């Protein structure tokens, strides 16, 4: 046994996924709802969450829907990271329970 192996940690693909803020990729909710591959999870999460916010869903409803959706992803986003990203985006995109202008 190589004792250095105990210090080896796996990196979740989330850490290396590109962020597609400037993409021209069209939003396809039905395709996203089916689950996405590891290199598309961050972008899909942002699109799906933005759609939920735009439709006026509450944060608990958004969390519940995105948690179910996440299980269809290959691989799923680790739960703590999913919740952290939802909270981060919610704080940026929502004021007083309503989507900020431009969202």
N, C-alpha and C. Protein backbone atom coordinates (compact mmCIF):
# COMPACT_ATOMS: atom_id res chain seq x y z
N UNK A 1 0.85 -1.20 0.00
CA UNK A 1 0.00 0.00 0.00
C UNK A 1 0.88 1.24 0.00
N UNK A 2 0.53 2.17 -0.82
CA UNK A 2 1.22 3.44 -0.87
C UNK A 2 0.56 4.36 0.16
N UNK A 3 1.29 4.75 1.19
CA UNK A 3 0.70 5.56 2.26
C UNK A 3 0.32 6.97 1.81
N UNK A 4 0.83 7.39 0.66
CA UNK A 4 0.44 8.69 0.14
C UNK A 4 -1.00 8.69 -0.37
N UNK A 5 -1.56 7.48 -0.62
CA UNK A 5 -2.92 7.39 -1.12
C UNK A 5 -3.95 7.94 -0.13
N UNK A 6 -3.63 7.93 1.14
CA UNK A 6 -4.61 8.43 2.11
C UNK A 6 -4.84 9.93 1.95
N UNK A 7 -3.91 10.62 1.29
CA UNK A 7 -4.05 12.06 1.09
C UNK A 7 -4.69 12.40 -0.25
N UNK A 8 -4.91 11.39 -1.07
CA UNK A 8 -5.50 11.62 -2.38
C UNK A 8 -7.00 11.82 -2.22
N UNK A 9 -7.49 12.86 -2.83
CA UNK A 9 -8.93 13.11 -2.80
C UNK A 9 -9.43 13.21 -4.23
N UNK A 10 -10.65 12.80 -4.43
CA UNK A 10 -11.25 12.93 -5.74
C UNK A 10 -11.82 14.33 -5.89
N UNK A 11 -11.66 14.87 -7.06
CA UNK A 11 -12.24 16.17 -7.36
C UNK A 11 -13.58 15.94 -8.03
N UNK A 12 -14.61 16.58 -7.50
CA UNK A 12 -15.91 16.47 -8.14
C UNK A 12 -15.85 17.28 -9.43
N UNK A 13 -16.44 16.76 -10.51
CA UNK A 13 -16.42 17.50 -11.77
C UNK A 13 -16.96 18.92 -11.65
N UNK A 14 -17.83 19.17 -10.65
CA UNK A 14 -18.37 20.53 -10.44
C UNK A 14 -17.24 21.56 -10.34
N UNK A 15 -16.12 21.16 -9.72
CA UNK A 15 -15.00 22.07 -9.52
C UNK A 15 -14.35 22.52 -10.81
N UNK A 16 -14.48 21.73 -11.85
CA UNK A 16 -13.80 22.05 -13.11
C UNK A 16 -14.77 22.35 -14.25
N UNK A 17 -16.05 22.38 -13.97
CA UNK A 17 -17.02 22.66 -15.02
C UNK A 17 -16.93 24.10 -15.48
N UNK A 18 -17.03 24.29 -16.79
CA UNK A 18 -17.05 25.68 -17.28
C UNK A 18 -18.38 26.33 -16.92
N UNK A 19 -18.36 27.62 -16.78
CA UNK A 19 -19.59 28.37 -16.54
C UNK A 19 -19.96 29.03 -17.86
N UNK A 20 -21.15 28.76 -18.34
CA UNK A 20 -21.55 29.18 -19.67
C UNK A 20 -22.37 30.46 -19.68
N UNK A 21 -21.98 31.44 -18.90
CA UNK A 21 -22.77 32.67 -18.83
C UNK A 21 -22.90 33.34 -20.18
N UNK A 22 -21.85 33.25 -21.01
CA UNK A 22 -21.86 33.97 -22.28
C UNK A 22 -22.22 33.08 -23.46
N UNK A 23 -22.85 31.99 -23.22
CA UNK A 23 -23.16 31.05 -24.29
C UNK A 23 -24.41 31.45 -25.05
N UNK A 24 -24.48 31.00 -26.25
CA UNK A 24 -25.68 31.21 -27.07
C UNK A 24 -26.54 29.93 -27.04
N UNK A 25 -26.18 28.99 -26.19
CA UNK A 25 -26.90 27.74 -26.09
C UNK A 25 -28.35 28.02 -25.70
N UNK A 26 -29.31 27.50 -26.49
CA UNK A 26 -30.72 27.79 -26.19
C UNK A 26 -31.19 27.08 -24.91
N UNK A 27 -32.17 27.66 -24.29
CA UNK A 27 -32.76 27.10 -23.08
C UNK A 27 -33.81 26.09 -23.49
N UNK A 28 -33.63 24.84 -23.10
CA UNK A 28 -34.58 23.77 -23.41
C UNK A 28 -34.95 23.09 -22.10
N UNK A 29 -36.01 23.57 -21.46
CA UNK A 29 -36.41 23.09 -20.14
C UNK A 29 -36.67 21.59 -20.14
N UNK A 30 -37.35 21.09 -21.15
CA UNK A 30 -37.67 19.65 -21.17
C UNK A 30 -36.40 18.81 -21.26
N UNK A 31 -35.43 19.26 -22.00
CA UNK A 31 -34.16 18.56 -22.10
C UNK A 31 -33.41 18.61 -20.76
N UNK A 32 -33.38 19.78 -20.14
CA UNK A 32 -32.72 19.94 -18.84
C UNK A 32 -33.39 19.06 -17.79
N UNK A 33 -34.71 19.01 -17.78
CA UNK A 33 -35.44 18.21 -16.78
C UNK A 33 -35.10 16.73 -16.83
N UNK A 34 -34.60 16.26 -17.97
CA UNK A 34 -34.23 14.86 -18.11
C UNK A 34 -32.91 14.55 -17.40
N UNK A 35 -32.19 15.58 -17.00
CA UNK A 35 -30.87 15.41 -16.38
C UNK A 35 -29.80 15.68 -17.42
N UNK A 36 -28.65 16.09 -16.93
CA UNK A 36 -27.56 16.48 -17.83
C UNK A 36 -26.25 15.82 -17.40
N UNK A 37 -25.30 15.85 -18.30
CA UNK A 37 -23.97 15.30 -18.03
C UNK A 37 -23.17 16.24 -17.14
N UNK A 38 -22.08 15.74 -16.61
CA UNK A 38 -21.31 16.50 -15.62
C UNK A 38 -20.82 17.85 -16.13
N UNK A 39 -20.53 17.97 -17.42
CA UNK A 39 -20.01 19.25 -17.92
C UNK A 39 -21.10 20.28 -18.20
N UNK A 40 -22.36 19.92 -17.97
CA UNK A 40 -23.47 20.84 -18.22
C UNK A 40 -24.27 21.17 -16.96
N UNK A 41 -23.90 20.58 -15.83
CA UNK A 41 -24.74 20.72 -14.62
C UNK A 41 -24.85 22.15 -14.12
N UNK A 42 -23.74 22.85 -14.05
CA UNK A 42 -23.75 24.22 -13.51
C UNK A 42 -24.65 25.12 -14.37
N UNK A 43 -24.44 25.07 -15.67
CA UNK A 43 -25.23 25.91 -16.58
C UNK A 43 -26.71 25.54 -16.52
N UNK A 44 -26.99 24.23 -16.52
CA UNK A 44 -28.38 23.78 -16.46
C UNK A 44 -29.04 24.21 -15.15
N UNK A 45 -28.30 24.10 -14.05
CA UNK A 45 -28.84 24.54 -12.75
C UNK A 45 -29.19 26.02 -12.81
N UNK A 46 -28.31 26.84 -13.34
CA UNK A 46 -28.58 28.27 -13.42
C UNK A 46 -29.79 28.55 -14.30
N UNK A 47 -29.88 27.87 -15.43
CA UNK A 47 -31.04 28.08 -16.32
C UNK A 47 -32.34 27.66 -15.64
N UNK A 48 -32.32 26.48 -15.04
CA UNK A 48 -33.54 25.93 -14.42
C UNK A 48 -33.95 26.80 -13.23
N UNK A 49 -33.00 27.17 -12.39
CA UNK A 49 -33.32 28.02 -11.24
C UNK A 49 -33.84 29.38 -11.70
N UNK A 50 -33.22 29.95 -12.71
CA UNK A 50 -33.69 31.23 -13.24
C UNK A 50 -35.11 31.14 -13.76
N UNK A 51 -35.42 30.02 -14.41
CA UNK A 51 -36.79 29.80 -14.90
C UNK A 51 -37.77 29.71 -13.73
N UNK A 52 -37.41 28.95 -12.69
CA UNK A 52 -38.27 28.80 -11.51
C UNK A 52 -38.51 30.16 -10.84
N UNK A 53 -37.46 30.94 -10.69
CA UNK A 53 -37.59 32.26 -10.09
C UNK A 53 -38.49 33.14 -10.95
N UNK A 54 -38.26 33.11 -12.25
CA UNK A 54 -39.06 33.92 -13.18
C UNK A 54 -40.54 33.57 -13.15
N UNK A 55 -40.84 32.32 -12.85
CA UNK A 55 -42.24 31.87 -12.74
C UNK A 55 -42.83 32.16 -11.37
N UNK A 56 -42.03 32.73 -10.46
CA UNK A 56 -42.55 33.13 -9.15
C UNK A 56 -42.56 32.04 -8.10
N UNK A 57 -41.84 30.95 -8.33
CA UNK A 57 -41.81 29.87 -7.33
C UNK A 57 -41.03 30.30 -6.09
N UNK A 58 -41.43 29.79 -4.95
CA UNK A 58 -40.74 30.09 -3.69
C UNK A 58 -39.42 29.32 -3.64
N UNK A 59 -38.54 29.75 -2.75
CA UNK A 59 -37.27 29.04 -2.59
C UNK A 59 -37.47 27.58 -2.18
N UNK A 60 -38.36 27.26 -1.21
CA UNK A 60 -38.55 25.85 -0.87
C UNK A 60 -39.03 24.99 -2.05
N UNK A 61 -39.90 25.55 -2.88
CA UNK A 61 -40.38 24.81 -4.06
C UNK A 61 -39.23 24.61 -5.04
N UNK A 62 -38.44 25.66 -5.25
CA UNK A 62 -37.30 25.56 -6.15
C UNK A 62 -36.30 24.51 -5.66
N UNK A 63 -36.01 24.53 -4.37
CA UNK A 63 -35.07 23.55 -3.80
C UNK A 63 -35.60 22.13 -3.99
N UNK A 64 -36.88 21.93 -3.72
CA UNK A 64 -37.47 20.59 -3.87
C UNK A 64 -37.39 20.12 -5.32
N UNK A 65 -37.76 20.98 -6.25
CA UNK A 65 -37.76 20.60 -7.66
C UNK A 65 -36.34 20.34 -8.16
N UNK A 66 -35.40 21.19 -7.76
CA UNK A 66 -34.02 21.03 -8.21
C UNK A 66 -33.34 19.83 -7.57
N UNK A 67 -33.75 19.47 -6.35
CA UNK A 67 -33.20 18.28 -5.69
C UNK A 67 -33.63 17.02 -6.44
N UNK A 68 -34.88 16.96 -6.84
CA UNK A 68 -35.36 15.81 -7.63
C UNK A 68 -34.65 15.78 -8.99
N UNK A 69 -34.58 16.92 -9.65
CA UNK A 69 -33.89 17.02 -10.95
C UNK A 69 -32.44 16.57 -10.83
N UNK A 70 -31.78 16.97 -9.78
CA UNK A 70 -30.37 16.67 -9.61
C UNK A 70 -30.10 15.17 -9.61
N UNK A 71 -31.03 14.36 -9.14
CA UNK A 71 -30.83 12.91 -9.12
C UNK A 71 -30.80 12.31 -10.52
N UNK A 72 -31.26 13.05 -11.51
CA UNK A 72 -31.22 12.58 -12.90
C UNK A 72 -29.91 12.94 -13.59
N UNK A 73 -29.13 13.81 -12.97
CA UNK A 73 -27.86 14.23 -13.56
C UNK A 73 -26.83 13.11 -13.44
N UNK A 74 -25.89 13.11 -14.36
CA UNK A 74 -24.83 12.10 -14.36
C UNK A 74 -23.47 12.76 -14.26
N UNK A 75 -22.87 12.79 -13.10
CA UNK A 75 -23.37 12.40 -11.79
C UNK A 75 -24.15 13.56 -11.17
N UNK A 76 -24.93 13.28 -10.13
CA UNK A 76 -25.62 14.38 -9.44
C UNK A 76 -24.61 15.36 -8.82
N UNK A 77 -25.02 16.59 -8.69
CA UNK A 77 -24.22 17.59 -7.97
C UNK A 77 -24.27 17.19 -6.50
N UNK A 78 -23.15 17.19 -5.79
CA UNK A 78 -23.23 16.89 -4.35
C UNK A 78 -24.26 17.81 -3.69
N UNK A 79 -25.07 17.24 -2.80
CA UNK A 79 -26.20 17.97 -2.23
C UNK A 79 -25.79 19.30 -1.58
N UNK A 80 -24.71 19.29 -0.83
CA UNK A 80 -24.26 20.52 -0.17
C UNK A 80 -23.93 21.59 -1.20
N UNK A 81 -23.30 21.20 -2.30
CA UNK A 81 -22.96 22.18 -3.35
C UNK A 81 -24.20 22.68 -4.06
N UNK A 82 -25.15 21.78 -4.29
CA UNK A 82 -26.40 22.18 -4.92
C UNK A 82 -27.10 23.25 -4.09
N UNK A 83 -27.25 22.98 -2.81
CA UNK A 83 -27.92 23.94 -1.91
C UNK A 83 -27.15 25.24 -1.80
N UNK A 84 -25.84 25.15 -1.75
CA UNK A 84 -24.99 26.35 -1.68
C UNK A 84 -25.17 27.21 -2.92
N UNK A 85 -25.21 26.58 -4.09
CA UNK A 85 -25.36 27.33 -5.34
C UNK A 85 -26.76 27.93 -5.46
N UNK A 86 -27.78 27.20 -5.03
CA UNK A 86 -29.14 27.75 -5.03
C UNK A 86 -29.20 28.99 -4.14
N UNK A 87 -28.65 28.89 -2.94
CA UNK A 87 -28.64 30.03 -2.01
C UNK A 87 -27.89 31.22 -2.60
N UNK A 88 -26.73 30.95 -3.21
CA UNK A 88 -25.91 32.02 -3.79
C UNK A 88 -26.67 32.74 -4.90
N UNK A 89 -27.25 31.96 -5.79
CA UNK A 89 -27.99 32.56 -6.91
C UNK A 89 -29.26 33.27 -6.43
N UNK A 90 -29.95 32.65 -5.47
CA UNK A 90 -31.19 33.26 -4.96
C UNK A 90 -30.88 34.65 -4.39
N UNK A 91 -29.79 34.75 -3.65
CA UNK A 91 -29.40 36.04 -3.05
C UNK A 91 -29.10 37.09 -4.12
N UNK A 92 -28.56 36.66 -5.26
CA UNK A 92 -28.22 37.60 -6.33
C UNK A 92 -29.43 37.96 -7.18
N UNK A 93 -30.36 37.02 -7.34
CA UNK A 93 -31.42 37.18 -8.33
C UNK A 93 -32.78 37.54 -7.77
N UNK A 94 -32.97 37.49 -6.44
CA UNK A 94 -34.30 37.70 -5.87
C UNK A 94 -34.25 38.80 -4.81
N UNK A 95 -35.22 39.71 -4.85
CA UNK A 95 -35.37 40.75 -3.84
C UNK A 95 -36.83 40.77 -3.42
N UNK A 96 -37.06 40.67 -2.12
CA UNK A 96 -38.43 40.74 -1.62
C UNK A 96 -39.34 39.68 -2.21
N UNK A 97 -38.79 38.51 -2.50
CA UNK A 97 -39.61 37.41 -3.03
C UNK A 97 -39.89 37.50 -4.51
N UNK A 98 -39.35 38.51 -5.20
CA UNK A 98 -39.58 38.66 -6.63
C UNK A 98 -38.25 38.74 -7.38
N UNK A 99 -38.26 38.25 -8.60
CA UNK A 99 -37.06 38.30 -9.43
C UNK A 99 -36.61 39.75 -9.61
N UNK A 100 -35.30 39.97 -9.49
CA UNK A 100 -34.76 41.30 -9.75
C UNK A 100 -34.96 41.65 -11.21
N UNK A 101 -35.12 42.93 -11.52
CA UNK A 101 -35.25 43.34 -12.92
C UNK A 101 -34.07 42.83 -13.72
N UNK A 102 -34.35 42.37 -14.92
CA UNK A 102 -33.28 41.86 -15.78
C UNK A 102 -33.06 40.39 -15.62
N UNK A 103 -33.78 39.74 -14.72
CA UNK A 103 -33.65 38.28 -14.53
C UNK A 103 -34.75 37.60 -15.26
